[in-house]
Amino acid sequence: VEEARTRQAVLSQRISELEIAKQQLADS
């Protein structure tokens, strides 16, 4: 159960990282 919650948190982190990367591309 803890592993599943960790993977869910990692998913949220990867979503944020993708949004940051897109924002940086837009900020160019």
mmCIF file of all heavy atoms, coordinates in Angstrom:
data_MODEL
# 
_entry.id   MODEL 
# 
loop_
_atom_site.group_PDB 
_atom_site.id 
_atom_site.type_symbol 
_atom_site.label_atom_id 
_atom_site.label_alt_id 
_atom_site.label_comp_id 
_atom_site.label_asym_id 
_atom_site.label_entity_id 
_atom_site.label_seq_id 
_atom_site.pdbx_PDB_ins_code 
_atom_site.Cartn_x 
_atom_site.Cartn_y 
_atom_site.Cartn_z 
_atom_site.occupancy 
_atom_site.B_iso_or_equiv 
_atom_site.pdbx_formal_charge 
_atom_site.auth_seq_id 
_atom_site.auth_comp_id 
_atom_site.auth_asym_id 
_atom_site.auth_atom_id 
_atom_site.pdbx_PDB_model_num 
ATOM 1   N N   . VAL A 1 1  ? 0.840  -1.207 0.000   1.00 0.00 ? 1  VAL A N   1 
ATOM 2   C CA  . VAL A 1 1  ? 0.000  0.000  0.000   1.00 0.00 ? 1  VAL A CA  1 
ATOM 3   C C   . VAL A 1 1  ? 0.873  1.254  0.000   1.00 0.00 ? 1  VAL A C   1 
ATOM 4   O O   . VAL A 1 1  ? 0.618  2.219  -0.744  1.00 0.00 ? 1  VAL A O   1 
ATOM 5   C CB  . VAL A 1 1  ? -0.947 -0.020 1.215   1.00 0.00 ? 1  VAL A CB  1 
ATOM 6   C CG1 . VAL A 1 1  ? -1.678 1.310  1.347   1.00 0.00 ? 1  VAL A CG1 1 
ATOM 7   C CG2 . VAL A 1 1  ? -1.946 -1.168 1.084   1.00 0.00 ? 1  VAL A CG2 1 
ATOM 8   N N   . GLU A 1 2  ? 1.918  1.276  0.816   1.00 0.00 ? 2  GLU A N   1 
ATOM 9   C CA  . GLU A 1 2  ? 2.818  2.423  0.854   1.00 0.00 ? 2  GLU A CA  1 
ATOM 10  C C   . GLU A 1 2  ? 3.535  2.608  -0.485  1.00 0.00 ? 2  GLU A C   1 
ATOM 11  O O   . GLU A 1 2  ? 3.741  3.733  -0.945  1.00 0.00 ? 2  GLU A O   1 
ATOM 12  C CB  . GLU A 1 2  ? 3.821  2.242  1.990   1.00 0.00 ? 2  GLU A CB  1 
ATOM 13  C CG  . GLU A 1 2  ? 3.172  2.276  3.379   1.00 0.00 ? 2  GLU A CG  1 
ATOM 14  C CD  . GLU A 1 2  ? 4.153  1.949  4.484   1.00 0.00 ? 2  GLU A CD  1 
ATOM 15  O OE1 . GLU A 1 2  ? 5.340  1.700  4.147   1.00 0.00 ? 2  GLU A OE1 1 
ATOM 16  O OE2 . GLU A 1 2  ? 3.756  1.930  5.663   1.00 0.00 ? 2  GLU A OE2 1 
ATOM 17  N N   . GLU A 1 3  ? 3.918  1.506  -1.105  1.00 0.00 ? 3  GLU A N   1 
ATOM 18  C CA  . GLU A 1 3  ? 4.559  1.585  -2.416  1.00 0.00 ? 3  GLU A CA  1 
ATOM 19  C C   . GLU A 1 3  ? 3.617  2.181  -3.455  1.00 0.00 ? 3  GLU A C   1 
ATOM 20  O O   . GLU A 1 3  ? 4.026  2.998  -4.298  1.00 0.00 ? 3  GLU A O   1 
ATOM 21  C CB  . GLU A 1 3  ? 5.012  0.186  -2.843  1.00 0.00 ? 3  GLU A CB  1 
ATOM 22  C CG  . GLU A 1 3  ? 5.609  0.106  -4.245  1.00 0.00 ? 3  GLU A CG  1 
ATOM 23  C CD  . GLU A 1 3  ? 6.923  0.860  -4.373  1.00 0.00 ? 3  GLU A CD  1 
ATOM 24  O OE1 . GLU A 1 3  ? 7.554  1.154  -3.340  1.00 0.00 ? 3  GLU A OE1 1 
ATOM 25  O OE2 . GLU A 1 3  ? 7.305  1.176  -5.526  1.00 0.00 ? 3  GLU A OE2 1 
ATOM 26  N N   . ALA A 1 4  ? 2.353  1.798  -3.393  1.00 0.00 ? 4  ALA A N   1 
ATOM 27  C CA  . ALA A 1 4  ? 1.377  2.340  -4.341  1.00 0.00 ? 4  ALA A CA  1 
ATOM 28  C C   . ALA A 1 4  ? 1.192  3.845  -4.132  1.00 0.00 ? 4  ALA A C   1 
ATOM 29  O O   . ALA A 1 4  ? 1.102  4.624  -5.098  1.00 0.00 ? 4  ALA A O   1 
ATOM 30  C CB  . ALA A 1 4  ? 0.047  1.616  -4.188  1.00 0.00 ? 4  ALA A CB  1 
ATOM 31  N N   . ARG A 1 5  ? 1.167  4.251  -2.866  1.00 0.00 ? 5  ARG A N   1 
ATOM 32  C CA  . ARG A 1 5  ? 1.040  5.688  -2.598  1.00 0.00 ? 5  ARG A CA  1 
ATOM 33  C C   . ARG A 1 5  ? 2.288  6.443  -3.068  1.00 0.00 ? 5  ARG A C   1 
ATOM 34  O O   . ARG A 1 5  ? 2.189  7.574  -3.569  1.00 0.00 ? 5  ARG A O   1 
ATOM 35  C CB  . ARG A 1 5  ? 0.810  5.905  -1.110  1.00 0.00 ? 5  ARG A CB  1 
ATOM 36  C CG  . ARG A 1 5  ? -0.567 5.417  -0.649  1.00 0.00 ? 5  ARG A CG  1 
ATOM 37  C CD  . ARG A 1 5  ? -0.707 5.485  0.852   1.00 0.00 ? 5  ARG A CD  1 
ATOM 38  N NE  . ARG A 1 5  ? -2.039 5.058  1.277   1.00 0.00 ? 5  ARG A NE  1 
ATOM 39  C CZ  . ARG A 1 5  ? -2.383 4.846  2.552   1.00 0.00 ? 5  ARG A CZ  1 
ATOM 40  N NH1 . ARG A 1 5  ? -1.477 5.018  3.524   1.00 0.00 ? 5  ARG A NH1 1 
ATOM 41  N NH2 . ARG A 1 5  ? -3.608 4.461  2.860   1.00 0.00 ? 5  ARG A NH2 1 
ATOM 42  N N   . THR A 1 6  ? 3.447  5.845  -2.897  1.00 0.00 ? 6  THR A N   1 
ATOM 43  C CA  . THR A 1 6  ? 4.683  6.480  -3.372  1.00 0.00 ? 6  THR A CA  1 
ATOM 44  C C   . THR A 1 6  ? 4.656  6.637  -4.884  1.00 0.00 ? 6  THR A C   1 
ATOM 45  O O   . THR A 1 6  ? 5.048  7.684  -5.426  1.00 0.00 ? 6  THR A O   1 
ATOM 46  C CB  . THR A 1 6  ? 5.895  5.647  -2.948  1.00 0.00 ? 6  THR A CB  1 
ATOM 47  O OG1 . THR A 1 6  ? 5.927  5.545  -1.518  1.00 0.00 ? 6  THR A OG1 1 
ATOM 48  C CG2 . THR A 1 6  ? 7.189  6.275  -3.442  1.00 0.00 ? 6  THR A CG2 1 
ATOM 49  N N   . ARG A 1 7  ? 4.195  5.592  -5.583  1.00 0.00 ? 7  ARG A N   1 
ATOM 50  C CA  . ARG A 1 7  ? 4.114  5.685  -7.044  1.00 0.00 ? 7  ARG A CA  1 
ATOM 51  C C   . ARG A 1 7  ? 3.117  6.755  -7.475  1.00 0.00 ? 7  ARG A C   1 
ATOM 52  O O   . ARG A 1 7  ? 3.325  7.429  -8.494  1.00 0.00 ? 7  ARG A O   1 
ATOM 53  C CB  . ARG A 1 7  ? 3.710  4.324  -7.619  1.00 0.00 ? 7  ARG A CB  1 
ATOM 54  C CG  . ARG A 1 7  ? 4.777  3.249  -7.429  1.00 0.00 ? 7  ARG A CG  1 
ATOM 55  C CD  . ARG A 1 7  ? 4.336  1.922  -8.008  1.00 0.00 ? 7  ARG A CD  1 
ATOM 56  N NE  . ARG A 1 7  ? 5.336  0.877  -7.802  1.00 0.00 ? 7  ARG A NE  1 
ATOM 57  C CZ  . ARG A 1 7  ? 5.216  -0.381 -8.240  1.00 0.00 ? 7  ARG A CZ  1 
ATOM 58  N NH1 . ARG A 1 7  ? 4.100  -0.750 -8.909  1.00 0.00 ? 7  ARG A NH1 1 
ATOM 59  N NH2 . ARG A 1 7  ? 6.168  -1.261 -8.015  1.00 0.00 ? 7  ARG A NH2 1 
ATOM 60  N N   . GLN A 1 8  ? 2.033  6.915  -6.683  1.00 0.00 ? 8  GLN A N   1 
ATOM 61  C CA  . GLN A 1 8  ? 1.070  7.977  -7.004  1.00 0.00 ? 8  GLN A CA  1 
ATOM 62  C C   . GLN A 1 8  ? 1.712  9.349  -6.831  1.00 0.00 ? 8  GLN A C   1 
ATOM 63  O O   . GLN A 1 8  ? 1.501  10.258 -7.650  1.00 0.00 ? 8  GLN A O   1 
ATOM 64  C CB  . GLN A 1 8  ? -0.145 7.857  -6.089  1.00 0.00 ? 8  GLN A CB  1 
ATOM 65  C CG  . GLN A 1 8  ? -1.273 8.824  -6.432  1.00 0.00 ? 8  GLN A CG  1 
ATOM 66  C CD  . GLN A 1 8  ? -1.961 8.466  -7.733  1.00 0.00 ? 8  GLN A CD  1 
ATOM 67  O OE1 . GLN A 1 8  ? -2.392 7.338  -7.939  1.00 0.00 ? 8  GLN A OE1 1 
ATOM 68  N NE2 . GLN A 1 8  ? -2.049 9.442  -8.630  1.00 0.00 ? 8  GLN A NE2 1 
ATOM 69  N N   . ALA A 1 9  ? 2.521  9.501  -5.781  1.00 0.00 ? 9  ALA A N   1 
ATOM 70  C CA  . ALA A 1 9  ? 3.213  10.775 -5.572  1.00 0.00 ? 9  ALA A CA  1 
ATOM 71  C C   . ALA A 1 9  ? 4.231  11.043 -6.674  1.00 0.00 ? 9  ALA A C   1 
ATOM 72  O O   . ALA A 1 9  ? 4.389  12.186 -7.135  1.00 0.00 ? 9  ALA A O   1 
ATOM 73  C CB  . ALA A 1 9  ? 3.894  10.773 -4.201  1.00 0.00 ? 9  ALA A CB  1 
ATOM 74  N N   . VAL A 1 10 ? 4.919  9.994  -7.099  1.00 0.00 ? 10 VAL A N   1 
ATOM 75  C CA  . VAL A 1 10 ? 5.877  10.153 -8.200  1.00 0.00 ? 10 VAL A CA  1 
ATOM 76  C C   . VAL A 1 10 ? 5.149  10.581 -9.476  1.00 0.00 ? 10 VAL A C   1 
ATOM 77  O O   . VAL A 1 10 ? 5.648  11.415 -10.239 1.00 0.00 ? 10 VAL A O   1 
ATOM 78  C CB  . VAL A 1 10 ? 6.653  8.837  -8.423  1.00 0.00 ? 10 VAL A CB  1 
ATOM 79  C CG1 . VAL A 1 10 ? 7.475  8.904  -9.709  1.00 0.00 ? 10 VAL A CG1 1 
ATOM 80  C CG2 . VAL A 1 10 ? 7.555  8.546  -7.233  1.00 0.00 ? 10 VAL A CG2 1 
ATOM 81  N N   . LEU A 1 11 ? 3.961  10.030 -9.690  1.00 0.00 ? 11 LEU A N   1 
ATOM 82  C CA  . LEU A 1 11 ? 3.178  10.429 -10.860 1.00 0.00 ? 11 LEU A CA  1 
ATOM 83  C C   . LEU A 1 11 ? 2.862  11.930 -10.809 1.00 0.00 ? 11 LEU A C   1 
ATOM 84  O O   . LEU A 1 11 ? 3.010  12.636 -11.814 1.00 0.00 ? 11 LEU A O   1 
ATOM 85  C CB  . LEU A 1 11 ? 1.888  9.602  -10.920 1.00 0.00 ? 11 LEU A CB  1 
ATOM 86  C CG  . LEU A 1 11 ? 0.913  10.005 -12.036 1.00 0.00 ? 11 LEU A CG  1 
ATOM 87  C CD1 . LEU A 1 11 ? 1.515  9.771  -13.403 1.00 0.00 ? 11 LEU A CD1 1 
ATOM 88  C CD2 . LEU A 1 11 ? -0.410 9.239  -11.889 1.00 0.00 ? 11 LEU A CD2 1 
ATOM 89  N N   . SER A 1 12 ? 2.433  12.379 -9.640  1.00 0.00 ? 12 SER A N   1 
ATOM 90  C CA  . SER A 1 12 ? 2.138  13.806 -9.506  1.00 0.00 ? 12 SER A CA  1 
ATOM 91  C C   . SER A 1 12 ? 3.392  14.650 -9.745  1.00 0.00 ? 12 SER A C   1 
ATOM 92  O O   . SER A 1 12 ? 3.338  15.719 -10.372 1.00 0.00 ? 12 SER A O   1 
ATOM 93  C CB  . SER A 1 12 ? 1.563  14.100 -8.112  1.00 0.00 ? 12 SER A CB  1 
ATOM 94  O OG  . SER A 1 12 ? 0.358  13.379 -7.898  1.00 0.00 ? 12 SER A OG  1 
ATOM 95  N N   . GLN A 1 13 ? 4.533  14.185 -9.235  1.00 0.00 ? 13 GLN A N   1 
ATOM 96  C CA  . GLN A 1 13 ? 5.775  14.909 -9.459  1.00 0.00 ? 13 GLN A CA  1 
ATOM 97  C C   . GLN A 1 13 ? 6.136  14.960 -10.941 1.00 0.00 ? 13 GLN A C   1 
ATOM 98  O O   . GLN A 1 13 ? 6.546  16.011 -11.446 1.00 0.00 ? 13 GLN A O   1 
ATOM 99  C CB  . GLN A 1 13 ? 6.905  14.236 -8.668  1.00 0.00 ? 13 GLN A CB  1 
ATOM 100 C CG  . GLN A 1 13 ? 8.252  14.918 -8.832  1.00 0.00 ? 13 GLN A CG  1 
ATOM 101 C CD  . GLN A 1 13 ? 9.350  14.210 -8.062  1.00 0.00 ? 13 GLN A CD  1 
ATOM 102 O OE1 . GLN A 1 13 ? 9.107  13.241 -7.346  1.00 0.00 ? 13 GLN A OE1 1 
ATOM 103 N NE2 . GLN A 1 13 ? 10.568 14.699 -8.216  1.00 0.00 ? 13 GLN A NE2 1 
ATOM 104 N N   . ARG A 1 14 ? 5.972  13.848 -11.640 1.00 0.00 ? 14 ARG A N   1 
ATOM 105 C CA  . ARG A 1 14 ? 6.285  13.830 -13.078 1.00 0.00 ? 14 ARG A CA  1 
ATOM 106 C C   . ARG A 1 14 ? 5.340  14.743 -13.863 1.00 0.00 ? 14 ARG A C   1 
ATOM 107 O O   . ARG A 1 14 ? 5.752  15.364 -14.851 1.00 0.00 ? 14 ARG A O   1 
ATOM 108 C CB  . ARG A 1 14 ? 6.199  12.397 -13.600 1.00 0.00 ? 14 ARG A CB  1 
ATOM 109 C CG  . ARG A 1 14 ? 7.203  11.434 -12.972 1.00 0.00 ? 14 ARG A CG  1 
ATOM 110 C CD  . ARG A 1 14 ? 8.628  11.807 -13.355 1.00 0.00 ? 14 ARG A CD  1 
ATOM 111 N NE  . ARG A 1 14 ? 9.576  10.874 -12.778 1.00 0.00 ? 14 ARG A NE  1 
ATOM 112 C CZ  . ARG A 1 14 ? 10.288 11.117 -11.690 1.00 0.00 ? 14 ARG A CZ  1 
ATOM 113 N NH1 . ARG A 1 14 ? 10.146 12.288 -11.052 1.00 0.00 ? 14 ARG A NH1 1 
ATOM 114 N NH2 . ARG A 1 14 ? 11.138 10.231 -11.236 1.00 0.00 ? 14 ARG A NH2 1 
ATOM 115 N N   . ILE A 1 15 ? 4.091  14.835 -13.415 1.00 0.00 ? 15 ILE A N   1 
ATOM 116 C CA  . ILE A 1 15 ? 3.147  15.750 -14.079 1.00 0.00 ? 15 ILE A CA  1 
ATOM 117 C C   . ILE A 1 15 ? 3.628  17.199 -13.914 1.00 0.00 ? 15 ILE A C   1 
ATOM 118 O O   . ILE A 1 15 ? 3.634  17.980 -14.872 1.00 0.00 ? 15 ILE A O   1 
ATOM 119 C CB  . ILE A 1 15 ? 1.725  15.562 -13.501 1.00 0.00 ? 15 ILE A CB  1 
ATOM 120 C CG1 . ILE A 1 15 ? 1.180  14.175 -13.862 1.00 0.00 ? 15 ILE A CG1 1 
ATOM 121 C CG2 . ILE A 1 15 ? 0.797  16.645 -14.029 1.00 0.00 ? 15 ILE A CG2 1 
ATOM 122 C CD1 . ILE A 1 15 ? -0.139 13.845 -13.189 1.00 0.00 ? 15 ILE A CD1 1 
ATOM 123 N N   . SER A 1 16 ? 4.048  17.528 -12.692 1.00 0.00 ? 16 SER A N   1 
ATOM 124 C CA  . SER A 1 16 ? 4.544  18.883 -12.443 1.00 0.00 ? 16 SER A CA  1 
ATOM 125 C C   . SER A 1 16 ? 5.808  19.166 -13.246 1.00 0.00 ? 16 SER A C   1 
ATOM 126 O O   . SER A 1 16 ? 5.978  20.276 -13.789 1.00 0.00 ? 16 SER A O   1 
ATOM 127 C CB  . SER A 1 16 ? 4.824  19.075 -10.946 1.00 0.00 ? 16 SER A CB  1 
ATOM 128 O OG  . SER A 1 16 ? 3.642  18.896 -10.189 1.00 0.00 ? 16 SER A OG  1 
ATOM 129 N N   . GLU A 1 17 ? 6.698  18.198 -13.314 1.00 0.00 ? 17 GLU A N   1 
ATOM 130 C CA  . GLU A 1 17 ? 7.935  18.393 -14.073 1.00 0.00 ? 17 GLU A CA  1 
ATOM 131 C C   . GLU A 1 17 ? 7.648  18.635 -15.546 1.00 0.00 ? 17 GLU A C   1 
ATOM 132 O O   . GLU A 1 17 ? 8.306  19.472 -16.192 1.00 0.00 ? 17 GLU A O   1 
ATOM 133 C CB  . GLU A 1 17 ? 8.846  17.180 -13.902 1.00 0.00 ? 17 GLU A CB  1 
ATOM 134 C CG  . GLU A 1 17 ? 9.433  17.069 -12.502 1.00 0.00 ? 17 GLU A CG  1 
ATOM 135 C CD  . GLU A 1 17 ? 10.211 15.780 -12.317 1.00 0.00 ? 17 GLU A CD  1 
ATOM 136 O OE1 . GLU A 1 17 ? 10.149 14.912 -13.238 1.00 0.00 ? 17 GLU A OE1 1 
ATOM 137 O OE2 . GLU A 1 17 ? 10.865 15.611 -11.273 1.00 0.00 ? 17 GLU A OE2 1 
ATOM 138 N N   . LEU A 1 18 ? 6.655  17.925 -16.075 1.00 0.00 ? 18 LEU A N   1 
ATOM 139 C CA  . LEU A 1 18 ? 6.294  18.140 -17.479 1.00 0.00 ? 18 LEU A CA  1 
ATOM 140 C C   . LEU A 1 18 ? 5.708  19.534 -17.676 1.00 0.00 ? 18 LEU A C   1 
ATOM 141 O O   . LEU A 1 18 ? 6.032  20.228 -18.653 1.00 0.00 ? 18 LEU A O   1 
ATOM 142 C CB  . LEU A 1 18 ? 5.303  17.072 -17.932 1.00 0.00 ? 18 LEU A CB  1 
ATOM 143 C CG  . LEU A 1 18 ? 4.799  17.209 -19.382 1.00 0.00 ? 18 LEU A CG  1 
ATOM 144 C CD1 . LEU A 1 18 ? 5.966  17.156 -20.362 1.00 0.00 ? 18 LEU A CD1 1 
ATOM 145 C CD2 . LEU A 1 18 ? 3.767  16.136 -19.698 1.00 0.00 ? 18 LEU A CD2 1 
ATOM 146 N N   . GLU A 1 19 ? 4.876  19.979 -16.741 1.00 0.00 ? 19 GLU A N   1 
ATOM 147 C CA  . GLU A 1 19 ? 4.305  21.319 -16.850 1.00 0.00 ? 19 GLU A CA  1 
ATOM 148 C C   . GLU A 1 19 ? 5.387  22.389 -16.752 1.00 0.00 ? 19 GLU A C   1 
ATOM 149 O O   . GLU A 1 19 ? 5.347  23.400 -17.464 1.00 0.00 ? 19 GLU A O   1 
ATOM 150 C CB  . GLU A 1 19 ? 3.254  21.526 -15.755 1.00 0.00 ? 19 GLU A CB  1 
ATOM 151 C CG  . GLU A 1 19 ? 2.020  20.652 -15.907 1.00 0.00 ? 19 GLU A CG  1 
ATOM 152 C CD  . GLU A 1 19 ? 1.299  20.890 -17.220 1.00 0.00 ? 19 GLU A CD  1 
ATOM 153 O OE1 . GLU A 1 19 ? 1.229  22.068 -17.660 1.00 0.00 ? 19 GLU A OE1 1 
ATOM 154 O OE2 . GLU A 1 19 ? 0.812  19.921 -17.817 1.00 0.00 ? 19 GLU A OE2 1 
ATOM 155 N N   . ILE A 1 20 ? 6.374  22.177 -15.864 1.00 0.00 ? 20 ILE A N   1 
ATOM 156 C CA  . ILE A 1 20 ? 7.473  23.133 -15.744 1.00 0.00 ? 20 ILE A CA  1 
ATOM 157 C C   . ILE A 1 20 ? 8.274  23.191 -17.038 1.00 0.00 ? 20 ILE A C   1 
ATOM 158 O O   . ILE A 1 20 ? 8.653  24.272 -17.515 1.00 0.00 ? 20 ILE A O   1 
ATOM 159 C CB  . ILE A 1 20 ? 8.375  22.766 -14.550 1.00 0.00 ? 20 ILE A CB  1 
ATOM 160 C CG1 . ILE A 1 20 ? 7.620  22.978 -13.236 1.00 0.00 ? 20 ILE A CG1 1 
ATOM 161 C CG2 . ILE A 1 20 ? 9.662  23.579 -14.564 1.00 0.00 ? 20 ILE A CG2 1 
ATOM 162 C CD1 . ILE A 1 20 ? 8.380  22.493 -12.005 1.00 0.00 ? 20 ILE A CD1 1 
ATOM 163 N N   . ALA A 1 21 ? 8.544  22.020 -17.612 1.00 0.00 ? 21 ALA A N   1 
ATOM 164 C CA  . ALA A 1 21 ? 9.299  21.984 -18.868 1.00 0.00 ? 21 ALA A CA  1 
ATOM 165 C C   . ALA A 1 21 ? 8.539  22.690 -19.988 1.00 0.00 ? 21 ALA A C   1 
ATOM 166 O O   . ALA A 1 21 ? 9.127  23.428 -20.792 1.00 0.00 ? 21 ALA A O   1 
ATOM 167 C CB  . ALA A 1 21 ? 9.599  20.536 -19.251 1.00 0.00 ? 21 ALA A CB  1 
ATOM 168 N N   . LYS A 1 22 ? 7.222  22.487 -20.034 1.00 0.00 ? 22 LYS A N   1 
ATOM 169 C CA  . LYS A 1 22 ? 6.417  23.179 -21.043 1.00 0.00 ? 22 LYS A CA  1 
ATOM 170 C C   . LYS A 1 22 ? 6.423  24.693 -20.812 1.00 0.00 ? 22 LYS A C   1 
ATOM 171 O O   . LYS A 1 22 ? 6.486  25.473 -21.764 1.00 0.00 ? 22 LYS A O   1 
ATOM 172 C CB  . LYS A 1 22 ? 4.979  22.647 -21.016 1.00 0.00 ? 22 LYS A CB  1 
ATOM 173 C CG  . LYS A 1 22 ? 4.819  21.231 -21.547 1.00 0.00 ? 22 LYS A CG  1 
ATOM 174 C CD  . LYS A 1 22 ? 3.357  20.802 -21.482 1.00 0.00 ? 22 LYS A CD  1 
ATOM 175 C CE  . LYS A 1 22 ? 3.147  19.421 -22.046 1.00 0.00 ? 22 LYS A CE  1 
ATOM 176 N NZ  . LYS A 1 22 ? 1.716  18.987 -21.978 1.00 0.00 ? 22 LYS A NZ  1 
ATOM 177 N N   . GLN A 1 23 ? 6.350  25.091 -19.522 1.00 0.00 ? 23 GLN A N   1 
ATOM 178 C CA  . GLN A 1 23 ? 6.359  26.517 -19.220 1.00 0.00 ? 23 GLN A CA  1 
ATOM 179 C C   . GLN A 1 23 ? 7.690  27.160 -19.605 1.00 0.00 ? 23 GLN A C   1 
ATOM 180 O O   . GLN A 1 23 ? 7.731  28.279 -20.120 1.00 0.00 ? 23 GLN A O   1 
ATOM 181 C CB  . GLN A 1 23 ? 6.077  26.728 -17.736 1.00 0.00 ? 23 GLN A CB  1 
ATOM 182 C CG  . GLN A 1 23 ? 5.975  28.191 -17.328 1.00 0.00 ? 23 GLN A CG  1 
ATOM 183 C CD  . GLN A 1 23 ? 4.858  28.907 -18.049 1.00 0.00 ? 23 GLN A CD  1 
ATOM 184 O OE1 . GLN A 1 23 ? 3.728  28.434 -18.068 1.00 0.00 ? 23 GLN A OE1 1 
ATOM 185 N NE2 . GLN A 1 23 ? 5.162  30.055 -18.645 1.00 0.00 ? 23 GLN A NE2 1 
ATOM 186 N N   . GLN A 1 24 ? 8.786  26.449 -19.346 1.00 0.00 ? 24 GLN A N   1 
ATOM 187 C CA  . GLN A 1 24 ? 10.083 26.976 -19.734 1.00 0.00 ? 24 GLN A CA  1 
ATOM 188 C C   . GLN A 1 24 ? 10.192 27.111 -21.250 1.00 0.00 ? 24 GLN A C   1 
ATOM 189 O O   . GLN A 1 24 ? 10.780 28.080 -21.749 1.00 0.00 ? 24 GLN A O   1 
ATOM 190 C CB  . GLN A 1 24 ? 11.198 26.077 -19.193 1.00 0.00 ? 24 GLN A CB  1 
ATOM 191 C CG  . GLN A 1 24 ? 11.371 26.166 -17.687 1.00 0.00 ? 24 GLN A CG  1 
ATOM 192 C CD  . GLN A 1 24 ? 12.475 25.262 -17.181 1.00 0.00 ? 24 GLN A CD  1 
ATOM 193 O OE1 . GLN A 1 24 ? 12.856 24.283 -17.839 1.00 0.00 ? 24 GLN A OE1 1 
ATOM 194 N NE2 . GLN A 1 24 ? 12.997 25.567 -16.001 1.00 0.00 ? 24 GLN A NE2 1 
ATOM 195 N N   . LEU A 1 25 ? 9.626  26.157 -21.971 1.00 0.00 ? 25 LEU A N   1 
ATOM 196 C CA  . LEU A 1 25 ? 9.618  26.264 -23.429 1.00 0.00 ? 25 LEU A CA  1 
ATOM 197 C C   . LEU A 1 25 ? 8.798  27.471 -23.866 1.00 0.00 ? 25 LEU A C   1 
ATOM 198 O O   . LEU A 1 25 ? 9.191  28.211 -24.781 1.00 0.00 ? 25 LEU A O   1 
ATOM 199 C CB  . LEU A 1 25 ? 9.056  24.983 -24.044 1.00 0.00 ? 25 LEU A CB  1 
ATOM 200 C CG  . LEU A 1 25 ? 8.956  24.959 -25.581 1.00 0.00 ? 25 LEU A CG  1 
ATOM 201 C CD1 . LEU A 1 25 ? 10.337 25.139 -26.204 1.00 0.00 ? 25 LEU A CD1 1 
ATOM 202 C CD2 . LEU A 1 25 ? 8.302  23.663 -26.054 1.00 0.00 ? 25 LEU A CD2 1 
ATOM 203 N N   . ALA A 1 26 ? 7.657  27.696 -23.199 1.00 0.00 ? 26 ALA A N   1 
ATOM 204 C CA  . ALA A 1 26 ? 6.850  28.880 -23.522 1.00 0.00 ? 26 ALA A CA  1 
ATOM 205 C C   . ALA A 1 26 ? 7.575  30.162 -23.139 1.00 0.00 ? 26 ALA A C   1 
ATOM 206 O O   . ALA A 1 26 ? 7.451  31.191 -23.822 1.00 0.00 ? 26 ALA A O   1 
ATOM 207 C CB  . ALA A 1 26 ? 5.499  28.793 -22.808 1.00 0.00 ? 26 ALA A CB  1 
ATOM 208 N N   . ASP A 1 27 ? 8.359  30.121 -22.037 1.00 0.00 ? 27 ASP A N   1 
ATOM 209 C CA  . ASP A 1 27 ? 9.090  31.305 -21.607 1.00 0.00 ? 27 ASP A CA  1 
ATOM 210 C C   . ASP A 1 27 ? 10.261 31.634 -22.508 1.00 0.00 ? 27 ASP A C   1 
ATOM 211 O O   . ASP A 1 27 ? 10.883 32.696 -22.342 1.00 0.00 ? 27 ASP A O   1 
ATOM 212 C CB  . ASP A 1 27 ? 9.590  31.121 -20.171 1.00 0.00 ? 27 ASP A CB  1 
ATOM 213 C CG  . ASP A 1 27 ? 8.465  31.137 -19.162 1.00 0.00 ? 27 ASP A CG  1 
ATOM 214 O OD1 . ASP A 1 27 ? 7.390  31.668 -19.489 1.00 0.00 ? 27 ASP A OD1 1 
ATOM 215 O OD2 . ASP A 1 27 ? 8.654  30.604 -18.043 1.00 0.00 ? 27 ASP A OD2 1 
ATOM 216 N N   . SER A 1 28 ? 10.598 30.753 -23.432 1.00 0.00 ? 28 SER A N   1 
ATOM 217 C CA  . SER A 1 28 ? 11.643 31.092 -24.403 1.00 0.00 ? 28 SER A CA  1 
ATOM 218 C C   . SER A 1 28 ? 11.144 32.126 -25.403 1.00 0.00 ? 28 SER A C   1 
ATOM 219 O O   . SER A 1 28 ? 11.924 32.634 -26.207 1.00 0.00 ? 28 SER A O   1 
ATOM 220 C CB  . SER A 1 28 ? 12.124 29.835 -25.135 1.00 0.00 ? 28 SER A CB  1 
ATOM 221 O OG  . SER A 1 28 ? 11.084 29.272 -25.925 1.00 0.00 ? 28 SER A OG  1 
# 
